[in-house]
PDB file of all heavy atoms in Angstrom:
ATOM      1  N   ALA A   1      55.296  70.904 118.379  1.00  0.00           N
ATOM      2  CA  ALA A   1      54.499  69.840 117.756  1.00  0.00           C
ATOM      3  C   ALA A   1      55.337  69.284 116.619  1.00  0.00           C
ATOM      4  O   ALA A   1      55.541  69.956 115.608  1.00  0.00           O
ATOM      5  CB  ALA A   1      53.163  70.379 117.251  1.00  0.00           C
ATOM      6  N   GLY A   2      55.848  68.078 116.779  1.00  0.00           N
ATOM      7  CA  GLY A   2      56.724  67.473 115.783  1.00  0.00           C
ATOM      8  C   GLY A   2      55.995  66.472 114.908  1.00  0.00           C
ATOM      9  O   GLY A   2      54.994  65.886 115.325  1.00  0.00           O
ATOM     10  N   ARG A   3      56.515  66.247 113.716  1.00  0.00           N
ATOM     11  CA  ARG A   3      55.916  65.298 112.792  1.00  0.00           C
ATOM     12  C   ARG A   3      55.843  63.900 113.386  1.00  0.00           C
ATOM     13  O   ARG A   3      54.859  63.196 113.234  1.00  0.00           O
ATOM     14  CB  ARG A   3      56.717  65.247 111.490  1.00  0.00           C
ATOM     15  CG  ARG A   3      56.060  64.353 110.448  1.00  0.00           C
ATOM     16  CD  ARG A   3      57.035  63.847 109.431  1.00  0.00           C
ATOM     17  NE  ARG A   3      57.886  62.839 110.052  1.00  0.00           N
ATOM     18  CZ  ARG A   3      58.823  62.175 109.425  1.00  0.00           C
ATOM     19  NH1 ARG A   3      59.066  62.410 108.170  1.00  0.00           N
ATOM     20  NH2 ARG A   3      59.549  61.286 110.055  1.00  0.00           N
ATOM     21  N   THR A   4      56.887  63.490 114.102  1.00  0.00           N
ATOM     22  CA  THR A   4      56.948  62.133 114.657  1.00  0.00           C
ATOM     23  C   THR A   4      56.357  62.055 116.054  1.00  0.00           C
ATOM     24  O   THR A   4      55.519  61.207 116.335  1.00  0.00           O
ATOM     25  CB  THR A   4      58.407  61.633 114.681  1.00  0.00           C
ATOM     26  OG1 THR A   4      58.950  61.739 113.366  1.00  0.00           O
ATOM     27  CG2 THR A   4      58.484  60.193 115.142  1.00  0.00           C
ATOM     28  N   SER A   5      56.790  62.929 116.942  1.00  0.00           N
ATOM     29  CA  SER A   5      56.399  62.811 118.356  1.00  0.00           C
ATOM     30  C   SER A   5      55.152  63.599 118.731  1.00  0.00           C
ATOM     31  O   SER A   5      54.664  63.471 119.847  1.00  0.00           O
ATOM     32  CB  SER A   5      57.557  63.224 119.260  1.00  0.00           C
ATOM     33  OG  SER A   5      57.885  64.584 119.052  1.00  0.00           O
ATOM     34  N   GLY A   6      54.648  64.440 117.825  1.00  0.00           N
ATOM     35  CA  GLY A   6      53.457  65.232 118.135  1.00  0.00           C
ATOM     36  C   GLY A   6      53.760  66.344 119.117  1.00  0.00           C
ATOM     37  O   GLY A   6      54.873  66.850 119.199  1.00  0.00           O
ATOM     38  N   LYS A   7      52.755  66.717 119.901  1.00  0.00           N
ATOM     39  CA  LYS A   7      52.876  67.815 120.864  1.00  0.00           C
ATOM     40  C   LYS A   7      53.572  67.302 122.125  1.00  0.00           C
ATOM     41  O   LYS A   7      53.078  66.387 122.779  1.00  0.00           O
ATOM     42  CB  LYS A   7      51.488  68.347 121.199  1.00  0.00           C
ATOM     43  CG  LYS A   7      51.457  69.483 122.180  1.00  0.00           C
ATOM     44  CD  LYS A   7      50.015  69.929 122.388  1.00  0.00           C
ATOM     45  CE  LYS A   7      49.865  70.890 123.522  1.00  0.00           C
ATOM     46  NZ  LYS A   7      48.446  71.266 123.713  1.00  0.00           N
ATOM     47  N   THR A   8      54.712  67.894 122.453  1.00  0.00           N
ATOM     48  CA  THR A   8      55.458  67.522 123.651  1.00  0.00           C
ATOM     49  C   THR A   8      56.031  68.773 124.305  1.00  0.00           C
ATOM     50  O   THR A   8      56.169  69.809 123.664  1.00  0.00           O
ATOM     51  CB  THR A   8      56.608  66.527 123.346  1.00  0.00           C
ATOM     52  OG1 THR A   8      57.457  67.096 122.346  1.00  0.00           O
ATOM     53  CG2 THR A   8      56.084  65.192 122.854  1.00  0.00           C
ATOM     54  N   THR A   9      56.378  68.655 125.572  1.00  0.00           N
ATOM     55  CA  THR A   9      56.933  69.775 126.318  1.00  0.00           C
ATOM     56  C   THR A   9      58.289  69.400 126.913  1.00  0.00           C
ATOM     57  O   THR A   9      58.608  68.223 127.058  1.00  0.00           O
ATOM     58  CB  THR A   9      55.982  70.205 127.460  1.00  0.00           C
ATOM     59  OG1 THR A   9      55.798  69.101 128.337  1.00  0.00           O
ATOM     60  CG2 THR A   9      54.646  70.672 126.926  1.00  0.00           C
ATOM     61  N   SER A  10      59.054  70.415 127.268  1.00  0.00           N
ATOM     62  CA  SER A  10      60.369  70.189 127.853  1.00  0.00           C
ATOM     63  C   SER A  10      60.801  71.421 128.632  1.00  0.00           C
ATOM     64  O   SER A  10      60.006  72.333 128.862  1.00  0.00           O
ATOM     65  CB  SER A  10      61.391  69.864 126.755  1.00  0.00           C
ATOM     66  OG  SER A  10      62.644  69.517 127.315  1.00  0.00           O
ATOM     67  N   GLU A  11      62.073  71.427 128.989  1.00  0.00           N
ATOM     68  CA  GLU A  11      62.674  72.545 129.703  1.00  0.00           C
ATOM     69  C   GLU A  11      64.054  72.807 129.111  1.00  0.00           C
ATOM     70  O   GLU A  11      64.799  71.873 128.802  1.00  0.00           O
ATOM     71  CB  GLU A  11      62.811  72.207 131.187  1.00  0.00           C
ATOM     72  CG  GLU A  11      63.401  73.309 132.018  1.00  0.00           C
ATOM     73  CD  GLU A  11      63.499  72.933 133.490  1.00  0.00           C
ATOM     74  OE1 GLU A  11      62.763  72.038 133.940  1.00  0.00           O
ATOM     75  OE2 GLU A  11      64.336  73.534 134.184  1.00  0.00           O
ATOM     76  N   ILE A  12      64.400  74.083 128.965  1.00  0.00           N
ATOM     77  CA  ILE A  12      65.717  74.457 128.434  1.00  0.00           C
ATOM     78  C   ILE A  12      66.775  74.236 129.508  1.00  0.00           C
ATOM     79  O   ILE A  12      66.645  74.710 130.637  1.00  0.00           O
ATOM     80  CB  ILE A  12      65.729  75.914 127.940  1.00  0.00           C
ATOM     81  CG1 ILE A  12      64.772  76.065 126.745  1.00  0.00           C
ATOM     82  CG2 ILE A  12      67.149  76.357 127.573  1.00  0.00           C
ATOM     83  CD1 ILE A  12      64.639  77.475 126.216  1.00  0.00           C
ATOM     84  N   ILE A  13      67.827  73.501 129.123  1.00  0.00           N
ATOM     85  CA  ILE A  13      68.941  73.195 130.017  1.00  0.00           C
ATOM     86  C   ILE A  13      70.100  74.173 129.814  1.00  0.00           C
ATOM     87  O   ILE A  13      70.771  74.573 130.751  1.00  0.00           O
ATOM     88  CB  ILE A  13      69.467  71.761 129.762  1.00  0.00           C
ATOM     89  CG1 ILE A  13      68.360  70.735 129.962  1.00  0.00           C
ATOM     90  CG2 ILE A  13      70.666  71.448 130.641  1.00  0.00           C
ATOM     91  CD1 ILE A  13      68.731  69.343 129.449  1.00  0.00           C
ATOM     92  N   ASP A  14      70.344  74.545 128.536  1.00  0.00           N
ATOM     93  CA  ASP A  14      71.505  75.370 128.200  1.00  0.00           C
ATOM     94  C   ASP A  14      71.167  76.232 126.992  1.00  0.00           C
ATOM     95  O   ASP A  14      70.460  75.785 126.081  1.00  0.00           O
ATOM     96  CB  ASP A  14      72.708  74.464 127.893  1.00  0.00           C
ATOM     97  CG  ASP A  14      74.039  75.202 127.816  1.00  0.00           C
ATOM     98  OD1 ASP A  14      74.062  76.446 127.856  1.00  0.00           O
ATOM     99  OD2 ASP A  14      75.077  74.514 127.696  1.00  0.00           O
ATOM    100  N   VAL A  15      71.676  77.454 126.952  1.00  0.00           N
ATOM    101  CA  VAL A  15      71.471  78.338 125.806  1.00  0.00           C
ATOM    102  C   VAL A  15      72.780  78.661 125.085  1.00  0.00           C
ATOM    103  O   VAL A  15      72.789  79.437 124.142  1.00  0.00           O
ATOM    104  CB  VAL A  15      70.747  79.646 126.219  1.00  0.00           C
ATOM    105  CG1 VAL A  15      69.331  79.354 126.679  1.00  0.00           C
ATOM    106  CG2 VAL A  15      71.529  80.406 127.274  1.00  0.00           C
ATOM    107  N   ASN A  16      73.868  78.050 125.522  1.00  0.00           N
ATOM    108  CA  ASN A  16      75.185  78.226 124.888  1.00  0.00           C
ATOM    109  C   ASN A  16      75.801  76.872 124.565  1.00  0.00           C
ATOM    110  O   ASN A  16      77.007  76.686 124.684  1.00  0.00           O
ATOM    111  CB  ASN A  16      76.114  79.015 125.814  1.00  0.00           C
ATOM    112  CG  ASN A  16      75.613  80.416 126.045  1.00  0.00           C
ATOM    113  OD1 ASN A  16      75.385  81.167 125.109  1.00  0.00           O
ATOM    114  ND2 ASN A  16      75.393  80.777 127.294  1.00  0.00           N
ATOM    115  N   PHE A  17      74.972  75.935 124.154  1.00  0.00           N
ATOM    116  CA  PHE A  17      75.389  74.562 123.898  1.00  0.00           C
ATOM    117  C   PHE A  17      76.148  74.465 122.572  1.00  0.00           C
ATOM    118  O   PHE A  17      75.744  75.039 121.569  1.00  0.00           O
ATOM    119  CB  PHE A  17      74.149  73.661 123.865  1.00  0.00           C
ATOM    120  CG  PHE A  17      74.456  72.197 123.757  1.00  0.00           C
ATOM    121  CD1 PHE A  17      75.093  71.530 124.784  1.00  0.00           C
ATOM    122  CD2 PHE A  17      74.081  71.483 122.629  1.00  0.00           C
ATOM    123  CE1 PHE A  17      75.361  70.170 124.697  1.00  0.00           C
ATOM    124  CE2 PHE A  17      74.338  70.124 122.525  1.00  0.00           C
ATOM    125  CZ  PHE A  17      74.982  69.467 123.561  1.00  0.00           C
ATOM    126  N   HIS A  18      77.281  73.749 122.592  1.00  0.00           N
ATOM    127  CA  HIS A  18      78.072  73.488 121.391  1.00  0.00           C
ATOM    128  C   HIS A  18      77.943  72.008 121.046  1.00  0.00           C
ATOM    129  O   HIS A  18      78.040  71.157 121.934  1.00  0.00           O
ATOM    130  CB  HIS A  18      79.545  73.828 121.629  1.00  0.00           C
ATOM    131  CG  HIS A  18      79.826  75.303 121.695  1.00  0.00           C
ATOM    132  ND1 HIS A  18      79.065  76.203 122.410  1.00  0.00           N
ATOM    133  CD2 HIS A  18      80.805  76.034 121.115  1.00  0.00           C
ATOM    134  CE1 HIS A  18      79.565  77.409 122.272  1.00  0.00           C
ATOM    135  NE2 HIS A  18      80.627  77.344 121.491  1.00  0.00           N
ATOM    136  N   ILE A  19      77.742  71.725 119.759  1.00  0.00           N
ATOM    137  CA  ILE A  19      77.542  70.344 119.329  1.00  0.00           C
ATOM    138  C   ILE A  19      78.184  70.125 117.965  1.00  0.00           C
ATOM    139  O   ILE A  19      78.184  71.025 117.124  1.00  0.00           O
ATOM    140  CB  ILE A  19      76.034  69.986 119.289  1.00  0.00           C
ATOM    141  CG1 ILE A  19      75.820  68.509 118.972  1.00  0.00           C
ATOM    142  CG2 ILE A  19      75.284  70.892 118.319  1.00  0.00           C
ATOM    143  CD1 ILE A  19      74.388  68.046 119.112  1.00  0.00           C
ATOM    144  N   LYS A  20      78.769  68.928 117.787  1.00  0.00           N
ATOM    145  CA  LYS A  20      79.302  68.502 116.493  1.00  0.00           C
ATOM    146  C   LYS A  20      78.424  67.373 115.984  1.00  0.00           C
ATOM    147  O   LYS A  20      78.116  66.432 116.717  1.00  0.00           O
ATOM    148  CB  LYS A  20      80.734  67.990 116.615  1.00  0.00           C
ATOM    149  CG  LYS A  20      81.784  69.048 116.600  1.00  0.00           C
ATOM    150  CD  LYS A  20      83.169  68.431 116.523  1.00  0.00           C
ATOM    151  CE  LYS A  20      84.216  69.506 116.730  1.00  0.00           C
ATOM    152  NZ  LYS A  20      85.571  68.964 116.668  1.00  0.00           N
ATOM    153  N   LEU A  21      78.029  67.478 114.708  1.00  0.00           N
ATOM    154  CA  LEU A  21      77.205  66.453 114.076  1.00  0.00           C
ATOM    155  C   LEU A  21      77.880  65.959 112.811  1.00  0.00           C
ATOM    156  O   LEU A  21      78.530  66.733 112.108  1.00  0.00           O
ATOM    157  CB  LEU A  21      75.824  67.025 113.730  1.00  0.00           C
ATOM    158  CG  LEU A  21      75.008  67.553 114.901  1.00  0.00           C
ATOM    159  CD1 LEU A  21      73.774  68.294 114.402  1.00  0.00           C
ATOM    160  CD2 LEU A  21      74.613  66.408 115.816  1.00  0.00           C
ATOM    161  N   ASP A  22      77.716  64.686 112.514  1.00  0.00           N
ATOM    162  CA  ASP A  22      78.276  64.104 111.299  1.00  0.00           C
ATOM    163  C   ASP A  22      77.251  64.222 110.182  1.00  0.00           C
ATOM    164  O   ASP A  22      76.181  63.621 110.242  1.00  0.00           O
ATOM    165  CB  ASP A  22      78.633  62.632 111.538  1.00  0.00           C
ATOM    166  CG  ASP A  22      79.311  61.991 110.341  1.00  0.00           C
ATOM    167  OD1 ASP A  22      79.447  62.645 109.280  1.00  0.00           O
ATOM    168  OD2 ASP A  22      79.709  60.821 110.457  1.00  0.00           O
ATOM    169  N   TYR A  23      77.569  65.001 109.158  1.00  0.00           N
ATOM    170  CA  TYR A  23      76.689  65.203 108.011  1.00  0.00           C
ATOM    171  C   TYR A  23      77.169  64.400 106.799  1.00  0.00           C
ATOM    172  O   TYR A  23      77.049  64.845 105.668  1.00  0.00           O
ATOM    173  CB  TYR A  23      76.605  66.689 107.668  1.00  0.00           C
ATOM    174  CG  TYR A  23      75.622  67.448 108.530  1.00  0.00           C
ATOM    175  CD1 TYR A  23      75.948  67.832 109.821  1.00  0.00           C
ATOM    176  CD2 TYR A  23      74.366  67.787 108.047  1.00  0.00           C
ATOM    177  CE1 TYR A  23      75.058  68.530 110.614  1.00  0.00           C
ATOM    178  CE2 TYR A  23      73.463  68.495 108.833  1.00  0.00           C
ATOM    179  CZ  TYR A  23      73.815  68.861 110.116  1.00  0.00           C
ATOM    180  OH  TYR A  23      72.919  69.557 110.896  1.00  0.00           O
ATOM    181  N   GLY A  24      77.685  63.220 107.038  1.00  0.00           N
ATOM    182  CA  GLY A  24      78.078  62.328 105.952  1.00  0.00           C
ATOM    183  C   GLY A  24      79.159  62.903 105.067  1.00  0.00           C
ATOM    184  O   GLY A  24      80.258  63.199 105.535  1.00  0.00           O
ATOM    185  N   ILE A  25      78.851  63.097 103.799  1.00  0.00           N
ATOM    186  CA  ILE A  25      79.828  63.555 102.812  1.00  0.00           C
ATOM    187  C   ILE A  25      80.411  64.925 103.161  1.00  0.00           C
ATOM    188  O   ILE A  25      81.551  65.224 102.827  1.00  0.00           O
ATOM    189  CB  ILE A  25      79.223  63.558 101.393  1.00  0.00           C
ATOM    190  CG1 ILE A  25      80.320  63.658 100.355  1.00  0.00           C
ATOM    191  CG2 ILE A  25      78.184  64.642 101.231  1.00  0.00           C
ATOM    192  CD1 ILE A  25      79.874  63.315  98.958  1.00  0.00           C
ATOM    193  N   ILE A  26      79.650  65.769 103.863  1.00  0.00           N
ATOM    194  CA  ILE A  26      80.138  67.092 104.275  1.00  0.00           C
ATOM    195  C   ILE A  26      81.150  66.957 105.400  1.00  0.00           C
ATOM    196  O   ILE A  26      82.074  67.741 105.518  1.00  0.00           O
ATOM    197  CB  ILE A  26      78.967  67.998 104.705  1.00  0.00           C
ATOM    198  CG1 ILE A  26      78.048  68.254 103.523  1.00  0.00           C
ATOM    199  CG2 ILE A  26      79.462  69.306 105.301  1.00  0.00           C
ATOM    200  CD1 ILE A  26      76.763  68.955 103.880  1.00  0.00           C
ATOM    201  N   GLY A  27      80.970  65.950 106.237  1.00  0.00           N
ATOM    202  CA  GLY A  27      81.850  65.730 107.376  1.00  0.00           C
ATOM    203  C   GLY A  27      81.240  66.258 108.662  1.00  0.00           C
ATOM    204  O   GLY A  27      80.031  66.461 108.760  1.00  0.00           O
ATOM    205  N   GLU A  28      82.084  66.490 109.639  1.00  0.00           N
ATOM    206  CA  GLU A  28      81.626  67.000 110.923  1.00  0.00           C
ATOM    207  C   GLU A  28      81.321  68.490 110.832  1.00  0.00           C
ATOM    208  O   GLU A  28      82.104  69.261 110.285  1.00  0.00           O
ATOM    209  CB  GLU A  28      82.671  66.769 112.017  1.00  0.00           C
ATOM    210  CG  GLU A  28      82.679  65.358 112.536  1.00  0.00           C
ATOM    211  CD  GLU A  28      83.446  65.257 113.848  1.00  0.00           C
ATOM    212  OE1 GLU A  28      84.397  66.029 114.083  1.00  0.00           O
ATOM    213  OE2 GLU A  28      83.057  64.383 114.655  1.00  0.00           O
ATOM    214  N   VAL A  29      80.168  68.859 111.376  1.00  0.00           N
ATOM    215  CA  VAL A  29      79.744  70.255 111.378  1.00  0.00           C
ATOM    216  C   VAL A  29      79.550  70.667 112.826  1.00  0.00           C
ATOM    217  O   VAL A  29      78.794  70.029 113.569  1.00  0.00           O
ATOM    218  CB  VAL A  29      78.435  70.438 110.578  1.00  0.00           C
ATOM    219  CG1 VAL A  29      77.964  71.875 110.644  1.00  0.00           C
ATOM    220  CG2 VAL A  29      78.623  69.994 109.123  1.00  0.00           C
ATOM    221  N   GLY A  30      80.244  71.718 113.229  1.00  0.00           N
ATOM    222  CA  GLY A  30      80.140  72.212 114.599  1.00  0.00           C
ATOM    223  C   GLY A  30      79.204  73.402 114.695  1.00  0.00           C
ATOM    224  O   GLY A  30      79.271  74.328 113.887  1.00  0.00           O
ATOM    225  N   PHE A  31      78.321  73.357 115.674  1.00  0.00           N
ATOM    226  CA  PHE A  31      77.368  74.436 115.913  1.00  0.00           C
ATOM    227  C   PHE A  31      77.630  75.030 117.292  1.00  0.00           C
ATOM    228  O   PHE A  31      77.790  74.300 118.262  1.00  0.00           O
ATOM    229  CB  PHE A  31      75.926  73.912 115.852  1.00  0.00           C
ATOM    230  CG  PHE A  31      75.522  73.445 114.496  1.00  0.00           C
ATOM    231  CD1 PHE A  31      75.736  72.133 114.114  1.00  0.00           C
ATOM    232  CD2 PHE A  31      74.947  74.326 113.582  1.00  0.00           C
ATOM    233  CE1 PHE A  31      75.371  71.687 112.854  1.00  0.00           C
ATOM    234  CE2 PHE A  31      74.579  73.886 112.314  1.00  0.00           C
ATOM    235  CZ  PHE A  31      74.788  72.571 111.959  1.00  0.00           C
ATOM    236  N   ALA A  32      77.649  76.357 117.373  1.00  0.00           N
ATOM    237  CA  ALA A  32      77.905  77.059 118.633  1.00  0.00           C
ATOM    238  C   ALA A  32      76.646  77.758 119.124  1.00  0.00           C
ATOM    239  O   ALA A  32      75.793  78.164 118.333  1.00  0.00           O
ATOM    240  CB  ALA A  32      79.014  78.093 118.429  1.00  0.00           C
ATOM    241  N   ASN A  33      76.566  77.894 120.442  1.00  0.00           N
ATOM    242  CA  ASN A  33      75.519  78.681 121.094  1.00  0.00           C
ATOM    243  C   ASN A  33      74.104  78.249 120.706  1.00  0.00           C
ATOM    244  O   ASN A  33      73.259  79.065 120.352  1.00  0.00           O
ATOM    245  CB  ASN A  33      75.732  80.172 120.829  1.00  0.00           C
ATOM    246  CG  ASN A  33      77.085  80.618 121.332  1.00  0.00           C
ATOM    247  OD1 ASN A  33      77.473  80.298 122.454  1.00  0.00           O
ATOM    248  ND2 ASN A  33      77.826  81.313 120.494  1.00  0.00           N
ATOM    249  N   GLN A  34      73.879  76.951 120.806  1.00  0.00           N
ATOM    250  CA  GLN A  34      72.570  76.379 120.503  1.00  0.00           C
ATOM    251  C   GLN A  34      71.751  76.229 121.784  1.00  0.00           C
ATOM    252  O   GLN A  34      72.255  76.366 122.883  1.00  0.00           O
ATOM    253  CB  GLN A  34      72.739  75.024 119.818  1.00  0.00           C
ATOM    254  CG  GLN A  34      73.553  75.080 118.537  1.00  0.00           C
ATOM    255  CD  GLN A  34      72.940  75.998 117.489  1.00  0.00           C
ATOM    256  OE1 GLN A  34      71.850  75.744 117.008  1.00  0.00           O
ATOM    257  NE2 GLN A  34      73.644  77.072 117.157  1.00  0.00           N
ATOM    258  N   ILE A  35      70.470  75.918 121.613  1.00  0.00           N
ATOM    259  CA  ILE A  35      69.566  75.720 122.742  1.00  0.00           C
ATOM    260  C   ILE A  35      69.441  74.221 122.991  1.00  0.00           C
ATOM    261  O   ILE A  35      69.061  73.469 122.092  1.00  0.00           O
ATOM    262  CB  ILE A  35      68.174  76.303 122.442  1.00  0.00           C
ATOM    263  CG1 ILE A  35      68.270  77.799 122.133  1.00  0.00           C
ATOM    264  CG2 ILE A  35      67.218  76.033 123.604  1.00  0.00           C
ATOM    265  CD1 ILE A  35      67.013  78.374 121.501  1.00  0.00           C
ATOM    266  N   LEU A  36      69.770  73.780 124.196  1.00  0.00           N
ATOM    267  CA  LEU A  36      69.647  72.371 124.570  1.00  0.00           C
ATOM    268  C   LEU A  36      68.484  72.222 125.551  1.00  0.00           C
ATOM    269  O   LEU A  36      68.425  72.909 126.567  1.00  0.00           O
ATOM    270  CB  LEU A  36      70.930  71.862 125.232  1.00  0.00           C
ATOM    271  CG  LEU A  36      70.888  70.417 125.744  1.00  0.00           C
ATOM    272  CD1 LEU A  36      70.731  69.432 124.588  1.00  0.00           C
ATOM    273  CD2 LEU A  36      72.138  70.108 126.557  1.00  0.00           C
ATOM    274  N   CYS A  37      67.569  71.329 125.201  1.00  0.00           N
ATOM    275  CA  CYS A  37      66.422  71.016 126.065  1.00  0.00           C
ATOM    276  C   CYS A  37      66.513  69.572 126.515  1.00  0.00           C
ATOM    277  O   CYS A  37      67.162  68.752 125.862  1.00  0.00           O
ATOM    278  CB  CYS A  37      65.110  71.185 125.296  1.00  0.00           C
ATOM    279  SG  CYS A  37      64.780  72.859 124.748  1.00  0.00           S
ATOM    280  N   LYS A  38      65.828  69.269 127.610  1.00  0.00           N
ATOM    281  CA  LYS A  38      65.660  67.870 127.974  1.00  0.00           C
ATOM    282  C   LYS A  38      64.987  67.183 126.793  1.00  0.00           C
ATOM    283  O   LYS A  38      64.166  67.791 126.102  1.00  0.00           O
ATOM    284  CB  LYS A  38      64.792  67.746 129.231  1.00  0.00           C
ATOM    285  CG  LYS A  38      65.437  68.312 130.474  1.00  0.00           C
ATOM    286  CD  LYS A  38      64.493  68.229 131.666  1.00  0.00           C
ATOM    287  CE  LYS A  38      65.128  68.843 132.901  1.00  0.00           C
ATOM    288  NZ  LYS A  38      64.196  68.859 134.042  1.00  0.00           N
ATOM    289  N   GLN A  39      65.352  65.913 126.553  1.00  0.00           N
ATOM    290  CA  GLN A  39      64.848  65.161 125.404  1.00  0.00           C
ATOM    291  C   GLN A  39      63.327  65.257 125.277  1.00  0.00           C
ATOM    292  O   GLN A  39      62.612  64.913 126.204  1.00  0.00           O
ATOM    293  CB  GLN A  39      65.259  63.685 125.539  1.00  0.00           C
ATOM    294  CG  GLN A  39      64.714  62.769 124.481  1.00  0.00           C
ATOM    295  CD  GLN A  39      65.404  62.939 123.151  1.00  0.00           C
ATOM    296  OE1 GLN A  39      66.608  62.924 123.072  1.00  0.00           O
ATOM    297  NE2 GLN A  39      64.632  63.101 122.100  1.00  0.00           N
ATOM    298  N   PHE A  40      62.852  65.774 124.119  1.00  0.00           N
ATOM    299  CA  PHE A  40      61.410  65.799 123.852  1.00  0.00           C
ATOM    300  C   PHE A  40      61.075  65.688 122.372  1.00  0.00           C
ATOM    301  O   PHE A  40      59.968  65.985 121.946  1.00  0.00           O
ATOM    302  CB  PHE A  40      60.738  67.020 124.490  1.00  0.00           C
ATOM    303  CG  PHE A  40      60.933  68.359 123.793  1.00  0.00           C
ATOM    304  CD1 PHE A  40      59.836  69.179 123.572  1.00  0.00           C
ATOM    305  CD2 PHE A  40      62.186  68.816 123.408  1.00  0.00           C
ATOM    306  CE1 PHE A  40      59.983  70.430 122.972  1.00  0.00           C
ATOM    307  CE2 PHE A  40      62.349  70.053 122.817  1.00  0.00           C
ATOM    308  CZ  PHE A  40      61.235  70.871 122.588  1.00  0.00           C
ATOM    309  N   THR A  41      62.061  65.217 121.612  1.00  0.00           N
ATOM    310  CA  THR A  41      61.876  65.062 120.175  1.00  0.00           C
ATOM    311  C   THR A  41      62.307  63.667 119.742  1.00  0.00           C
ATOM    312  O   THR A  41      63.001  62.962 120.478  1.00  0.00           O
ATOM    313  CB  THR A  41      62.705  66.099 119.400  1.00  0.00           C
ATOM    314  OG1 THR A  41      64.085  65.942 119.769  1.00  0.00           O
ATOM    315  CG2 THR A  41      62.261  67.523 119.717  1.00  0.00           C
ATOM    316  N   GLN A  42      61.912  63.334 118.518  1.00  0.00           N
ATOM    317  CA  GLN A  42      62.302  62.069 117.918  1.00  0.00           C
ATOM    318  C   GLN A  42      62.761  62.329 116.488  1.00  0.00           C
ATOM    319  O   GLN A  42      62.521  63.420 115.934  1.00  0.00           O
ATOM    320  CB  GLN A  42      61.121  61.087 117.897  1.00  0.00           C
ATOM    321  CG  GLN A  42      60.641  60.660 119.261  1.00  0.00           C
ATOM    322  CD  GLN A  42      59.412  59.761 119.171  1.00  0.00           C
ATOM    323  OE1 GLN A  42      59.102  59.198 118.134  1.00  0.00           O
ATOM    324  NE2 GLN A  42      58.698  59.642 120.277  1.00  0.00           N
ATOM    325  N   GLU A  43      63.393  61.331 115.889  1.00  0.00           N
ATOM    326  CA  GLU A  43      63.805  61.440 114.497  1.00  0.00           C
ATOM    327  C   GLU A  43      62.583  61.789 113.661  1.00  0.00           C
ATOM    328  O   GLU A  43      61.522  61.192 113.812  1.00  0.00           O
ATOM    329  CB  GLU A  43      64.404  60.119 114.028  1.00  0.00           C
ATOM    330  CG  GLU A  43      65.054  60.205 112.675  1.00  0.00           C
ATOM    331  CD  GLU A  43      65.787  58.925 112.313  1.00  0.00           C
ATOM    332  OE1 GLU A  43      66.433  58.338 113.188  1.00  0.00           O
ATOM    333  OE2 GLU A  43      65.705  58.537 111.141  1.00  0.00           O
TER     334      GLU A  43
END
């Protein structure tokens, strides 16, 4: 249940997902072994 999208459901695609995100002044931050689901969230 998200603040923006409310109650939504999905399915897990990957449990070892690696992602890099741009955190502005901090720069790129890499995360390992994350959970990736089919899109079910919003900003």
